[in-house]
Amino acid sequence: MSESFTVVTAARGRHYAVREAGPGDEPGIQALFEANTEYFEAATGLPPGPADVQSLYYGLPPGADPQDKRILVVTEVAPKGAEPSVVGLVDVVLRFPAPDACSVGLFLLRPSLWGTSLGPSLAARLLERAAASGVRRVTATVPSGWERGRRFLSGLSFTVTGSAGPGARTANRRTGPREPAVDKAELILTGA
């Protein structure tokens, strides 16, 4: 994805821009991670740390091409002259695990935006763009027991396809020794 696009949430009428992350976004991504301690503890068994931002850029499933890695940031469209802040992040590997597929390693919003329409609106736009570009299958993972994530994926019509135990290669990286098992999910896209 080279150009940004805007998502308008119905619940709050706010505008959010989605674009590829750049080096200047790292402090905002770190702040986003720190705001999501609850998720990180459920996913990794530990709170987020500074190395989590760096590992985001390098985490790839085996066999994936580094050129296919995309890290998208979501920012609230700020008033003219104000600096937009990072409120969300999507980690995607295109053409994995097959040429017509993509793998979502992380879909994360600030907790203050959980339960709003931003997550589903953003996901719907990304899925539309993926389908239009020829993607037919989207894979994702969710920490076992992270019900908020399971409900989110279910609401998007993902189907849980199995579980991967600790230490397995899942999503876009190898899981750590303290991490619980994750559930794998898949969505088949139709139409272009």
N, C-alpha and C. Protein backbone atom coordinates (compact mmCIF):
# COMPACT_ATOMS: atom_id res chain seq x y z
N MET A 1 0.85 -1.17 0.00
CA MET A 1 0.00 0.00 0.00
C MET A 1 0.89 1.23 0.00
N SER A 2 0.85 2.01 -1.04
CA SER A 2 1.72 3.17 -1.11
C SER A 2 0.98 4.46 -0.78
N GLU A 3 -0.32 4.52 -1.01
CA GLU A 3 -1.05 5.74 -0.72
C GLU A 3 -1.88 5.58 0.55
N SER A 4 -2.11 6.70 1.24
CA SER A 4 -2.92 6.63 2.45
C SER A 4 -4.39 6.69 2.06
N PHE A 5 -5.25 6.30 3.00
CA PHE A 5 -6.68 6.45 2.81
C PHE A 5 -7.28 6.81 4.15
N THR A 6 -8.52 7.25 4.12
CA THR A 6 -9.20 7.73 5.32
C THR A 6 -10.36 6.82 5.66
N VAL A 7 -10.56 6.59 6.96
CA VAL A 7 -11.70 5.84 7.47
C VAL A 7 -12.47 6.79 8.38
N VAL A 8 -13.77 6.88 8.20
CA VAL A 8 -14.62 7.71 9.05
C VAL A 8 -15.44 6.77 9.91
N THR A 9 -15.38 6.94 11.23
CA THR A 9 -16.17 6.08 12.09
C THR A 9 -17.57 6.66 12.25
N ALA A 10 -18.54 5.78 12.23
CA ALA A 10 -19.93 6.20 12.35
C ALA A 10 -20.25 6.65 13.77
N ALA A 11 -19.65 5.99 14.76
CA ALA A 11 -20.01 6.27 16.15
C ALA A 11 -19.58 7.66 16.60
N ARG A 12 -18.41 8.09 16.21
CA ARG A 12 -17.90 9.37 16.70
C ARG A 12 -17.72 10.40 15.60
N GLY A 13 -17.87 9.99 14.35
CA GLY A 13 -17.69 10.92 13.24
C GLY A 13 -16.27 11.40 13.07
N ARG A 14 -15.32 10.70 13.66
CA ARG A 14 -13.92 11.10 13.55
C ARG A 14 -13.30 10.50 12.30
N HIS A 15 -12.26 11.16 11.82
CA HIS A 15 -11.55 10.72 10.62
C HIS A 15 -10.18 10.17 11.03
N TYR A 16 -9.83 9.05 10.42
CA TYR A 16 -8.55 8.42 10.69
C TYR A 16 -7.86 8.13 9.37
N ALA A 17 -6.58 8.43 9.30
CA ALA A 17 -5.78 8.16 8.11
C ALA A 17 -5.00 6.87 8.32
N VAL A 18 -4.83 6.11 7.25
CA VAL A 18 -4.07 4.86 7.29
C VAL A 18 -2.97 4.99 6.24
N ARG A 19 -1.73 4.73 6.66
CA ARG A 19 -0.59 4.82 5.75
C ARG A 19 0.51 3.90 6.23
N GLU A 20 1.51 3.69 5.37
CA GLU A 20 2.65 2.89 5.78
C GLU A 20 3.45 3.65 6.83
N ALA A 21 3.97 2.93 7.81
CA ALA A 21 4.76 3.53 8.88
C ALA A 21 6.10 3.99 8.34
N GLY A 22 6.60 5.05 8.94
CA GLY A 22 7.93 5.56 8.62
C GLY A 22 8.77 5.64 9.89
N PRO A 23 10.06 5.93 9.76
CA PRO A 23 10.93 6.00 10.94
C PRO A 23 10.44 6.97 12.01
N GLY A 24 9.81 8.06 11.60
CA GLY A 24 9.31 9.04 12.57
C GLY A 24 8.13 8.55 13.39
N ASP A 25 7.56 7.40 13.01
CA ASP A 25 6.40 6.85 13.73
C ASP A 25 6.80 5.97 14.91
N GLU A 26 8.07 5.62 15.03
CA GLU A 26 8.47 4.69 16.09
C GLU A 26 8.09 5.15 17.49
N PRO A 27 8.28 6.42 17.88
CA PRO A 27 7.83 6.82 19.23
C PRO A 27 6.32 6.66 19.41
N GLY A 28 5.55 6.97 18.38
CA GLY A 28 4.10 6.80 18.46
C GLY A 28 3.69 5.34 18.56
N ILE A 29 4.42 4.46 17.86
CA ILE A 29 4.14 3.03 17.94
C ILE A 29 4.48 2.52 19.33
N GLN A 30 5.61 2.98 19.88
CA GLN A 30 5.98 2.57 21.24
C GLN A 30 4.92 3.02 22.25
N ALA A 31 4.42 4.24 22.10
CA ALA A 31 3.35 4.73 23.00
C ALA A 31 2.09 3.89 22.84
N LEU A 32 1.77 3.51 21.60
CA LEU A 32 0.62 2.64 21.35
C LEU A 32 0.80 1.31 22.05
N PHE A 33 1.99 0.72 21.93
CA PHE A 33 2.27 -0.56 22.59
C PHE A 33 2.13 -0.43 24.10
N GLU A 34 2.69 0.64 24.67
CA GLU A 34 2.62 0.84 26.13
C GLU A 34 1.18 1.02 26.60
N ALA A 35 0.34 1.60 25.77
CA ALA A 35 -1.08 1.76 26.12
C ALA A 35 -1.82 0.42 26.07
N ASN A 36 -1.22 -0.56 25.41
CA ASN A 36 -1.85 -1.87 25.23
C ASN A 36 -1.21 -2.96 26.08
N THR A 37 -0.82 -2.62 27.28
CA THR A 37 -0.19 -3.59 28.18
C THR A 37 -1.08 -4.82 28.37
N GLU A 38 -2.37 -4.64 28.49
CA GLU A 38 -3.29 -5.76 28.70
C GLU A 38 -3.18 -6.77 27.54
N TYR A 39 -3.15 -6.26 26.32
CA TYR A 39 -3.01 -7.15 25.17
C TYR A 39 -1.65 -7.85 25.18
N PHE A 40 -0.57 -7.10 25.39
CA PHE A 40 0.76 -7.70 25.35
C PHE A 40 0.93 -8.78 26.41
N GLU A 41 0.38 -8.54 27.60
CA GLU A 41 0.48 -9.57 28.64
C GLU A 41 -0.31 -10.81 28.26
N ALA A 42 -1.45 -10.63 27.59
CA ALA A 42 -2.23 -11.80 27.13
C ALA A 42 -1.51 -12.52 26.00
N ALA A 43 -0.83 -11.76 25.13
CA ALA A 43 -0.20 -12.34 23.95
C ALA A 43 1.20 -12.89 24.22
N THR A 44 1.96 -12.20 25.08
CA THR A 44 3.36 -12.59 25.25
C THR A 44 3.72 -13.00 26.67
N GLY A 45 2.83 -12.71 27.61
CA GLY A 45 3.13 -12.99 29.01
C GLY A 45 3.94 -11.88 29.67
N LEU A 46 4.26 -10.84 28.92
CA LEU A 46 5.07 -9.73 29.42
C LEU A 46 4.49 -8.40 28.94
N PRO A 47 4.77 -7.31 29.67
CA PRO A 47 4.37 -6.00 29.15
C PRO A 47 5.24 -5.65 27.93
N PRO A 48 4.80 -4.70 27.12
CA PRO A 48 5.60 -4.33 25.95
C PRO A 48 6.90 -3.67 26.37
N GLY A 49 7.92 -3.86 25.56
CA GLY A 49 9.22 -3.25 25.80
C GLY A 49 9.72 -2.56 24.54
N PRO A 50 10.79 -1.78 24.64
CA PRO A 50 11.33 -1.07 23.48
C PRO A 50 11.70 -1.99 22.32
N ALA A 51 12.13 -3.19 22.60
CA ALA A 51 12.52 -4.11 21.53
C ALA A 51 11.31 -4.58 20.71
N ASP A 52 10.11 -4.47 21.27
CA ASP A 52 8.92 -4.92 20.54
C ASP A 52 8.70 -4.11 19.27
N VAL A 53 9.00 -2.81 19.31
CA VAL A 53 8.84 -1.99 18.11
C VAL A 53 9.84 -2.44 17.05
N GLN A 54 11.09 -2.62 17.43
CA GLN A 54 12.10 -3.05 16.46
C GLN A 54 11.79 -4.43 15.90
N SER A 55 11.35 -5.35 16.75
CA SER A 55 11.08 -6.70 16.26
C SER A 55 9.90 -6.71 15.29
N LEU A 56 9.02 -5.74 15.42
CA LEU A 56 7.89 -5.62 14.51
C LEU A 56 8.38 -5.50 13.07
N TYR A 57 9.46 -4.76 12.87
CA TYR A 57 9.97 -4.52 11.53
C TYR A 57 10.66 -5.75 10.93
N TYR A 58 11.14 -6.65 11.78
CA TYR A 58 11.91 -7.79 11.30
C TYR A 58 11.17 -9.12 11.37
N GLY A 59 10.07 -9.18 12.11
CA GLY A 59 9.35 -10.43 12.27
C GLY A 59 8.69 -10.88 10.97
N LEU A 60 9.10 -12.04 10.50
CA LEU A 60 8.53 -12.62 9.28
C LEU A 60 8.32 -14.11 9.47
N PRO A 61 7.26 -14.66 8.91
CA PRO A 61 7.12 -16.11 8.94
C PRO A 61 8.14 -16.74 7.99
N PRO A 62 8.52 -17.99 8.24
CA PRO A 62 9.49 -18.63 7.36
C PRO A 62 8.97 -18.72 5.93
N GLY A 63 9.83 -18.37 4.99
CA GLY A 63 9.47 -18.42 3.59
C GLY A 63 8.88 -17.13 3.05
N ALA A 64 8.59 -16.16 3.92
CA ALA A 64 8.03 -14.89 3.46
C ALA A 64 9.14 -13.99 2.94
N ASP A 65 8.82 -13.18 1.95
CA ASP A 65 9.78 -12.24 1.37
C ASP A 65 9.74 -10.93 2.17
N PRO A 66 10.88 -10.45 2.66
CA PRO A 66 10.88 -9.19 3.42
C PRO A 66 10.27 -8.02 2.64
N GLN A 67 10.29 -8.07 1.32
CA GLN A 67 9.70 -7.01 0.51
C GLN A 67 8.17 -6.97 0.63
N ASP A 68 7.59 -8.06 1.12
CA ASP A 68 6.13 -8.14 1.24
C ASP A 68 5.62 -7.68 2.61
N LYS A 69 6.52 -7.28 3.49
CA LYS A 69 6.14 -6.83 4.84
C LYS A 69 5.61 -5.41 4.77
N ARG A 70 4.47 -5.16 5.39
CA ARG A 70 3.89 -3.83 5.49
C ARG A 70 3.49 -3.57 6.94
N ILE A 71 3.88 -2.42 7.43
CA ILE A 71 3.43 -1.97 8.74
C ILE A 71 2.65 -0.70 8.49
N LEU A 72 1.37 -0.76 8.78
CA LEU A 72 0.49 0.38 8.57
C LEU A 72 0.18 1.04 9.90
N VAL A 73 0.20 2.35 9.93
CA VAL A 73 -0.20 3.07 11.13
C VAL A 73 -1.52 3.77 10.86
N VAL A 74 -2.30 3.89 11.92
CA VAL A 74 -3.58 4.59 11.89
C VAL A 74 -3.40 5.83 12.75
N THR A 75 -3.70 6.99 12.17
CA THR A 75 -3.60 8.24 12.93
C THR A 75 -4.93 8.98 12.84
N GLU A 76 -5.30 9.63 13.92
CA GLU A 76 -6.49 10.47 13.86
C GLU A 76 -6.12 11.71 13.08
N VAL A 77 -6.96 12.09 12.12
CA VAL A 77 -6.69 13.28 11.32
C VAL A 77 -6.76 14.47 12.26
N ALA A 78 -5.63 15.15 12.39
CA ALA A 78 -5.49 16.25 13.34
C ALA A 78 -5.88 17.58 12.69
N PRO A 79 -6.27 18.55 13.52
CA PRO A 79 -6.55 19.89 12.97
C PRO A 79 -5.29 20.43 12.28
N LYS A 80 -5.49 21.33 11.36
CA LYS A 80 -4.37 21.88 10.60
C LYS A 80 -3.29 22.41 11.55
N GLY A 81 -2.05 21.99 11.30
CA GLY A 81 -0.92 22.43 12.11
C GLY A 81 -0.62 21.52 13.29
N ALA A 82 -1.57 20.67 13.68
CA ALA A 82 -1.35 19.76 14.80
C ALA A 82 -0.71 18.47 14.29
N GLU A 83 0.11 17.87 15.11
CA GLU A 83 0.79 16.61 14.76
C GLU A 83 -0.15 15.44 15.03
N PRO A 84 -0.40 14.58 14.03
CA PRO A 84 -1.27 13.42 14.27
C PRO A 84 -0.57 12.40 15.16
N SER A 85 -1.34 11.73 16.00
CA SER A 85 -0.75 10.70 16.85
C SER A 85 -1.18 9.32 16.36
N VAL A 86 -0.30 8.35 16.59
CA VAL A 86 -0.58 6.97 16.19
C VAL A 86 -1.61 6.39 17.15
N VAL A 87 -2.75 5.94 16.60
CA VAL A 87 -3.81 5.34 17.43
C VAL A 87 -4.03 3.88 17.08
N GLY A 88 -3.33 3.39 16.06
CA GLY A 88 -3.50 1.99 15.67
C GLY A 88 -2.38 1.53 14.77
N LEU A 89 -2.30 0.21 14.61
CA LEU A 89 -1.24 -0.40 13.80
C LEU A 89 -1.74 -1.72 13.23
N VAL A 90 -1.35 -1.98 11.98
CA VAL A 90 -1.65 -3.25 11.33
C VAL A 90 -0.35 -3.76 10.72
N ASP A 91 0.04 -4.97 11.09
CA ASP A 91 1.24 -5.63 10.59
C ASP A 91 0.80 -6.71 9.61
N VAL A 92 1.20 -6.58 8.35
CA VAL A 92 0.74 -7.48 7.29
C VAL A 92 1.92 -8.00 6.48
N VAL A 93 1.83 -9.25 6.08
CA VAL A 93 2.76 -9.81 5.10
C VAL A 93 1.93 -10.22 3.90
N LEU A 94 2.19 -9.56 2.78
CA LEU A 94 1.48 -9.85 1.54
C LEU A 94 2.02 -11.13 0.91
N ARG A 95 1.20 -11.75 0.08
CA ARG A 95 1.60 -12.95 -0.67
C ARG A 95 2.12 -14.06 0.25
N PHE A 96 1.51 -14.17 1.43
CA PHE A 96 1.88 -15.24 2.36
C PHE A 96 0.62 -15.73 3.07
N PRO A 97 0.41 -17.01 3.20
CA PRO A 97 1.30 -18.14 2.88
C PRO A 97 1.22 -18.61 1.44
N ALA A 98 0.50 -17.87 0.58
CA ALA A 98 0.40 -18.22 -0.84
C ALA A 98 0.34 -16.90 -1.63
N PRO A 99 0.58 -16.96 -2.93
CA PRO A 99 0.57 -15.72 -3.71
C PRO A 99 -0.74 -14.93 -3.64
N ASP A 100 -1.87 -15.61 -3.39
CA ASP A 100 -3.16 -14.91 -3.33
C ASP A 100 -3.64 -14.72 -1.89
N ALA A 101 -2.70 -14.71 -0.94
CA ALA A 101 -3.07 -14.60 0.47
C ALA A 101 -2.28 -13.47 1.14
N CYS A 102 -2.68 -13.14 2.35
CA CYS A 102 -1.88 -12.26 3.20
C CYS A 102 -2.07 -12.69 4.65
N SER A 103 -1.07 -12.39 5.45
CA SER A 103 -1.06 -12.77 6.87
C SER A 103 -1.03 -11.51 7.72
N VAL A 104 -1.98 -11.40 8.63
CA VAL A 104 -2.03 -10.26 9.55
C VAL A 104 -1.40 -10.72 10.86
N GLY A 105 -0.28 -10.11 11.21
CA GLY A 105 0.41 -10.47 12.44
C GLY A 105 -0.09 -9.70 13.64
N LEU A 106 -0.55 -8.47 13.44
CA LEU A 106 -1.01 -7.64 14.55
C LEU A 106 -2.00 -6.61 14.02
N PHE A 107 -3.13 -6.48 14.70
CA PHE A 107 -4.13 -5.46 14.42
C PHE A 107 -4.43 -4.86 15.79
N LEU A 108 -3.94 -3.65 16.03
CA LEU A 108 -3.98 -3.10 17.37
C LEU A 108 -4.46 -1.66 17.35
N LEU A 109 -5.38 -1.33 18.25
CA LEU A 109 -5.87 0.03 18.43
C LEU A 109 -5.65 0.45 19.88
N ARG A 110 -5.60 1.75 20.10
CA ARG A 110 -5.55 2.25 21.48
C ARG A 110 -6.76 1.71 22.23
N PRO A 111 -6.60 1.29 23.48
CA PRO A 111 -7.74 0.77 24.24
C PRO A 111 -8.92 1.73 24.32
N SER A 112 -8.67 3.04 24.27
CA SER A 112 -9.78 4.00 24.30
C SER A 112 -10.66 3.89 23.06
N LEU A 113 -10.16 3.22 22.01
CA LEU A 113 -10.93 3.03 20.78
C LEU A 113 -11.54 1.64 20.68
N TRP A 114 -11.24 0.77 21.64
CA TRP A 114 -11.86 -0.55 21.64
C TRP A 114 -13.36 -0.38 21.82
N GLY A 115 -14.13 -1.15 21.12
CA GLY A 115 -15.59 -1.09 21.25
C GLY A 115 -16.22 0.02 20.43
N THR A 116 -15.42 0.83 19.75
CA THR A 116 -15.98 1.83 18.84
C THR A 116 -16.09 1.18 17.46
N SER A 117 -16.56 1.89 16.51
CA SER A 117 -16.67 1.34 15.17
C SER A 117 -15.37 1.42 14.37
N LEU A 118 -14.32 1.98 14.94
CA LEU A 118 -13.09 2.13 14.17
C LEU A 118 -12.49 0.80 13.75
N GLY A 119 -12.37 -0.16 14.66
CA GLY A 119 -11.77 -1.45 14.32
C GLY A 119 -12.49 -2.14 13.17
N PRO A 120 -13.79 -2.37 13.28
CA PRO A 120 -14.51 -3.00 12.18
C PRO A 120 -14.50 -2.18 10.89
N SER A 121 -14.60 -0.84 10.99
CA SER A 121 -14.58 0.02 9.80
C SER A 121 -13.23 -0.07 9.11
N LEU A 122 -12.18 0.01 9.88
CA LEU A 122 -10.83 -0.08 9.33
C LEU A 122 -10.59 -1.45 8.70
N ALA A 123 -10.96 -2.50 9.40
CA ALA A 123 -10.76 -3.86 8.87
C ALA A 123 -11.55 -4.05 7.58
N ALA A 124 -12.78 -3.55 7.53
CA ALA A 124 -13.59 -3.69 6.32
C ALA A 124 -12.94 -2.99 5.14
N ARG A 125 -12.42 -1.79 5.36
CA ARG A 125 -11.74 -1.07 4.27
C ARG A 125 -10.50 -1.81 3.81
N LEU A 126 -9.71 -2.31 4.76
CA LEU A 126 -8.50 -3.05 4.39
C LEU A 126 -8.85 -4.33 3.64
N LEU A 127 -9.89 -5.03 4.08
CA LEU A 127 -10.31 -6.25 3.40
C LEU A 127 -10.83 -5.97 1.99
N GLU A 128 -11.54 -4.85 1.82
CA GLU A 128 -12.01 -4.46 0.48
C GLU A 128 -10.82 -4.20 -0.44
N ARG A 129 -9.84 -3.47 0.07
CA ARG A 129 -8.64 -3.17 -0.73
C ARG A 129 -7.87 -4.44 -1.04
N ALA A 130 -7.79 -5.34 -0.09
CA ALA A 130 -7.09 -6.61 -0.32
C ALA A 130 -7.79 -7.41 -1.42
N ALA A 131 -9.10 -7.52 -1.33
CA ALA A 131 -9.86 -8.28 -2.34
C ALA A 131 -9.69 -7.65 -3.71
N ALA A 132 -9.73 -6.33 -3.78
CA ALA A 132 -9.58 -5.63 -5.06
C ALA A 132 -8.19 -5.84 -5.66
N SER A 133 -7.19 -6.11 -4.82
CA SER A 133 -5.83 -6.33 -5.32
C SER A 133 -5.55 -7.80 -5.62
N GLY A 134 -6.56 -8.66 -5.44
CA GLY A 134 -6.39 -10.08 -5.78
C GLY A 134 -6.18 -11.01 -4.61
N VAL A 135 -6.19 -10.49 -3.39
CA VAL A 135 -6.04 -11.36 -2.22
C VAL A 135 -7.34 -12.15 -2.05
N ARG A 136 -7.22 -13.45 -1.86
CA ARG A 136 -8.39 -14.31 -1.70
C ARG A 136 -8.48 -14.94 -0.32
N ARG A 137 -7.36 -14.94 0.43
CA ARG A 137 -7.37 -15.55 1.76
C ARG A 137 -6.55 -14.68 2.71
N VAL A 138 -7.12 -14.40 3.87
CA VAL A 138 -6.44 -13.63 4.91
C VAL A 138 -6.31 -14.53 6.13
N THR A 139 -5.09 -14.65 6.66
CA THR A 139 -4.88 -15.43 7.87
C THR A 139 -4.50 -14.50 9.01
N ALA A 140 -4.84 -14.89 10.22
CA ALA A 140 -4.53 -14.10 11.41
C ALA A 140 -4.41 -15.06 12.59
N THR A 141 -3.93 -14.54 13.69
CA THR A 141 -3.90 -15.31 14.94
C THR A 141 -4.43 -14.44 16.06
N VAL A 142 -4.87 -15.11 17.11
CA VAL A 142 -5.35 -14.43 18.31
C VAL A 142 -4.88 -15.26 19.50
N PRO A 143 -4.37 -14.61 20.56
CA PRO A 143 -3.96 -15.39 21.73
C PRO A 143 -5.13 -16.21 22.27
N SER A 144 -4.90 -17.47 22.56
CA SER A 144 -5.94 -18.31 23.15
C SER A 144 -6.41 -17.64 24.44
N GLY A 145 -7.71 -17.52 24.58
CA GLY A 145 -8.26 -16.89 25.77
C GLY A 145 -8.48 -15.39 25.62
N TRP A 146 -7.99 -14.75 24.54
CA TRP A 146 -8.21 -13.32 24.33
C TRP A 146 -9.55 -13.16 23.63
N GLU A 147 -10.62 -13.15 24.43
CA GLU A 147 -11.97 -13.15 23.88
C GLU A 147 -12.30 -11.92 23.05
N ARG A 148 -11.75 -10.78 23.42
CA ARG A 148 -11.99 -9.56 22.64
C ARG A 148 -11.52 -9.76 21.20
N GLY A 149 -10.35 -10.36 21.03
CA GLY A 149 -9.82 -10.63 19.70
C GLY A 149 -10.63 -11.67 18.95
N ARG A 150 -11.07 -12.70 19.65
CA ARG A 150 -11.90 -13.73 19.01
C ARG A 150 -13.22 -13.12 18.52
N ARG A 151 -13.83 -12.27 19.35
CA ARG A 151 -15.09 -11.62 18.95
C ARG A 151 -14.87 -10.72 17.73
N PHE A 152 -13.75 -10.00 17.73
CA PHE A 152 -13.43 -9.12 16.61
C PHE A 152 -13.30 -9.93 15.32
N LEU A 153 -12.51 -11.00 15.35
CA LEU A 153 -12.34 -11.82 14.16
C LEU A 153 -13.65 -12.47 13.73
N SER A 154 -14.42 -12.94 14.69
CA SER A 154 -15.72 -13.54 14.39
C SER A 154 -16.64 -12.53 13.72
N GLY A 155 -16.64 -11.30 14.21
CA GLY A 155 -17.47 -10.25 13.63
C GLY A 155 -17.10 -9.93 12.19
N LEU A 156 -15.86 -10.25 11.82
CA LEU A 156 -15.41 -10.04 10.44
C LEU A 156 -15.57 -11.29 9.59
N SER A 157 -16.18 -12.33 10.16
CA SER A 157 -16.44 -13.62 9.50
C SER A 157 -15.21 -14.50 9.35
N PHE A 158 -14.17 -14.26 10.16
CA PHE A 158 -13.04 -15.19 10.19
C PHE A 158 -13.50 -16.48 10.84
N THR A 159 -12.89 -17.58 10.45
CA THR A 159 -13.15 -18.89 11.05
C THR A 159 -11.89 -19.36 11.74
N VAL A 160 -12.01 -19.74 13.00
CA VAL A 160 -10.86 -20.30 13.71
C VAL A 160 -10.58 -21.67 13.11
N THR A 161 -9.31 -21.87 12.71
CA THR A 161 -8.95 -23.09 11.98
C THR A 161 -8.07 -24.03 12.78
N GLY A 162 -7.64 -23.62 13.96
CA GLY A 162 -6.79 -24.50 14.76
C GLY A 162 -6.01 -23.70 15.77
N SER A 163 -5.08 -24.38 16.41
CA SER A 163 -4.27 -23.77 17.45
C SER A 163 -2.81 -24.08 17.19
N ALA A 164 -1.95 -23.17 17.59
CA ALA A 164 -0.51 -23.39 17.51
C ALA A 164 0.06 -23.23 18.91
N GLY A 165 0.79 -24.18 19.37
CA GLY A 165 1.33 -24.15 20.72
C GLY A 165 2.46 -23.16 20.88
N PRO A 166 2.88 -22.91 22.11
CA PRO A 166 3.98 -22.01 22.39
C PRO A 166 5.24 -22.44 21.64
N GLY A 167 6.00 -21.45 21.19
CA GLY A 167 7.25 -21.70 20.49
C GLY A 167 7.07 -21.95 19.01
N ALA A 168 5.84 -22.08 18.55
CA ALA A 168 5.58 -22.33 17.13
C ALA A 168 5.74 -21.04 16.34
N ARG A 169 5.96 -21.19 15.06
CA ARG A 169 5.95 -20.03 14.16
C ARG A 169 4.50 -19.73 13.87
N THR A 170 4.05 -18.56 14.27
CA THR A 170 2.67 -18.16 14.03
C THR A 170 2.66 -16.74 13.52
N ALA A 171 1.65 -16.42 12.77
CA ALA A 171 1.50 -15.07 12.22
C ALA A 171 2.81 -14.66 11.57
N ASN A 172 3.40 -13.58 12.05
CA ASN A 172 4.59 -13.05 11.39
C ASN A 172 5.87 -13.20 12.21
N ARG A 173 5.88 -14.13 13.18
CA ARG A 173 7.08 -14.29 14.00
C ARG A 173 7.02 -15.60 14.78
N ARG A 174 8.12 -15.93 15.46
CA ARG A 174 8.16 -17.10 16.34
C ARG A 174 7.70 -16.64 17.72
N THR A 175 6.83 -17.42 18.34
CA THR A 175 6.34 -17.06 19.67
C THR A 175 7.43 -17.31 20.71
N GLY A 176 7.37 -16.54 21.79
CA GLY A 176 8.36 -16.65 22.86
C GLY A 176 8.00 -17.71 23.88
N PRO A 177 8.93 -18.02 24.78
CA PRO A 177 8.72 -19.11 25.73
C PRO A 177 7.60 -18.87 26.74
N ARG A 178 7.24 -17.62 27.04
CA ARG A 178 6.17 -17.34 28.00
C ARG A 178 4.81 -17.18 27.33
N GLU A 179 4.80 -17.19 26.02
CA GLU A 179 3.56 -16.92 25.31
C GLU A 179 2.63 -18.12 25.32
N PRO A 180 1.34 -17.84 25.50
CA PRO A 180 0.37 -18.93 25.45
C PRO A 180 0.18 -19.38 24.00
N ALA A 181 -0.54 -20.43 23.82
CA ALA A 181 -0.89 -20.89 22.48
C ALA A 181 -1.73 -19.80 21.80
N VAL A 182 -1.71 -19.80 20.49
CA VAL A 182 -2.55 -18.88 19.74
C VAL A 182 -3.50 -19.68 18.86
N ASP A 183 -4.63 -19.09 18.59
CA ASP A 183 -5.59 -19.69 17.68
C ASP A 183 -5.40 -19.07 16.30
N LYS A 184 -5.37 -19.92 15.29
CA LYS A 184 -5.25 -19.45 13.91
C LYS A 184 -6.63 -19.24 13.35
N ALA A 185 -6.77 -18.19 12.54
CA ALA A 185 -8.05 -17.89 11.92
C ALA A 185 -7.83 -17.56 10.44
N GLU A 186 -8.90 -17.75 9.68
CA GLU A 186 -8.80 -17.54 8.23
C GLU A 186 -10.10 -16.93 7.72
N LEU A 187 -9.95 -16.08 6.72
CA LEU A 187 -11.10 -15.48 6.05
C LEU A 187 -10.90 -15.64 4.56
N ILE A 188 -11.88 -16.21 3.88
CA ILE A 188 -11.85 -16.33 2.43
C ILE A 188 -12.60 -15.12 1.86
N LEU A 189 -11.92 -14.35 1.02
CA LEU A 189 -12.52 -13.17 0.40
C LEU A 189 -13.13 -13.56 -0.93
N THR A 190 -14.25 -12.95 -1.23
CA THR A 190 -14.92 -13.21 -2.50
C THR A 190 -15.01 -11.92 -3.29
N GLY A 191 -15.01 -12.02 -4.58
CA GLY A 191 -15.19 -10.86 -5.45
C GLY A 191 -13.95 -9.99 -5.50
N ALA A 192 -13.91 -9.16 -6.47
CA ALA A 192 -12.80 -8.23 -6.64
C ALA A 192 -13.30 -6.82 -6.67
